[in-house]
Amino acid sequence: MSRIIEDMREQSSKETTINFTKKVLADGILTPEKIAEYTGLSLEEIKVLNAERTL
């Protein structure tokens, strides 16, 4: 049971990070490299989120 709860927490944390990243990308102040450094997401993930944002 605790593994399920831990998985839910991890998913929630990932979603929060992704939402934050989308806002930072929209702001345009930080480079994708800095965003990756600060969020722990890979540069590739940042690029995908940025591409999705501009569609």
Protein backbone atom coordinates (compact mmCIF):
# COMPACT_ATOMS: atom_id res chain seq x y z
CA MET A 1 0.00 0.00 0.00
CA SER A 2 2.76 2.45 0.82
CA ARG A 3 4.35 1.90 -2.62
CA ILE A 4 1.10 3.05 -4.24
CA ILE A 5 1.09 6.18 -2.11
CA GLU A 6 4.75 6.84 -2.92
CA ASP A 7 4.02 6.46 -6.65
CA MET A 8 1.16 8.93 -6.34
CA ARG A 9 3.44 11.43 -4.58
CA GLU A 10 6.09 11.07 -7.26
CA GLN A 11 3.51 11.57 -10.02
CA SER A 12 2.13 14.64 -8.26
CA SER A 13 5.62 16.07 -7.82
CA LYS A 14 6.42 15.46 -11.49
CA GLU A 15 3.20 17.18 -12.57
CA THR A 16 3.98 20.16 -10.34
CA THR A 17 7.48 20.40 -11.83
CA ILE A 18 6.11 20.22 -15.37
CA ASN A 19 3.52 22.94 -14.68
CA PHE A 20 6.19 25.15 -13.13
CA THR A 21 8.49 24.52 -16.09
CA LYS A 22 5.80 25.53 -18.58
CA LYS A 23 5.32 28.82 -16.74
CA VAL A 24 9.05 29.52 -16.66
CA LEU A 25 9.36 28.72 -20.38
CA ALA A 26 6.49 31.08 -21.15
CA ASP A 27 8.22 33.81 -19.16
CA GLY A 28 11.29 33.43 -21.36
CA ILE A 29 13.85 34.69 -18.85
CA LEU A 30 15.76 31.46 -18.21
CA THR A 31 17.46 29.30 -20.79
CA PRO A 32 16.33 25.70 -21.22
CA GLU A 33 19.70 24.63 -19.78
CA LYS A 34 19.12 26.63 -16.58
CA ILE A 35 15.56 25.37 -16.29
CA ALA A 36 16.82 21.79 -16.56
CA GLU A 37 19.46 22.51 -13.93
CA TYR A 38 16.94 23.99 -11.49
CA THR A 39 14.08 21.52 -12.03
CA GLY A 40 15.98 18.28 -12.46
CA LEU A 41 14.23 17.59 -15.76
CA SER A 42 16.39 16.60 -18.70
CA LEU A 43 17.16 19.12 -21.39
CA GLU A 44 15.22 16.91 -23.81
CA GLU A 45 12.15 17.05 -21.55
CA ILE A 46 12.45 20.85 -21.43
CA LYS A 47 12.67 21.01 -25.24
CA VAL A 48 9.57 18.82 -25.60
CA LEU A 49 7.61 20.97 -23.15
CA ASN A 50 8.74 24.10 -24.97
CA ALA A 51 7.67 22.64 -28.33
CA GLU A 52 4.27 21.66 -26.90
CA ARG A 53 3.84 25.15 -25.50
CA THR A 54 4.42 26.79 -28.88
CA LEU A 55 1.89 24.61 -30.77
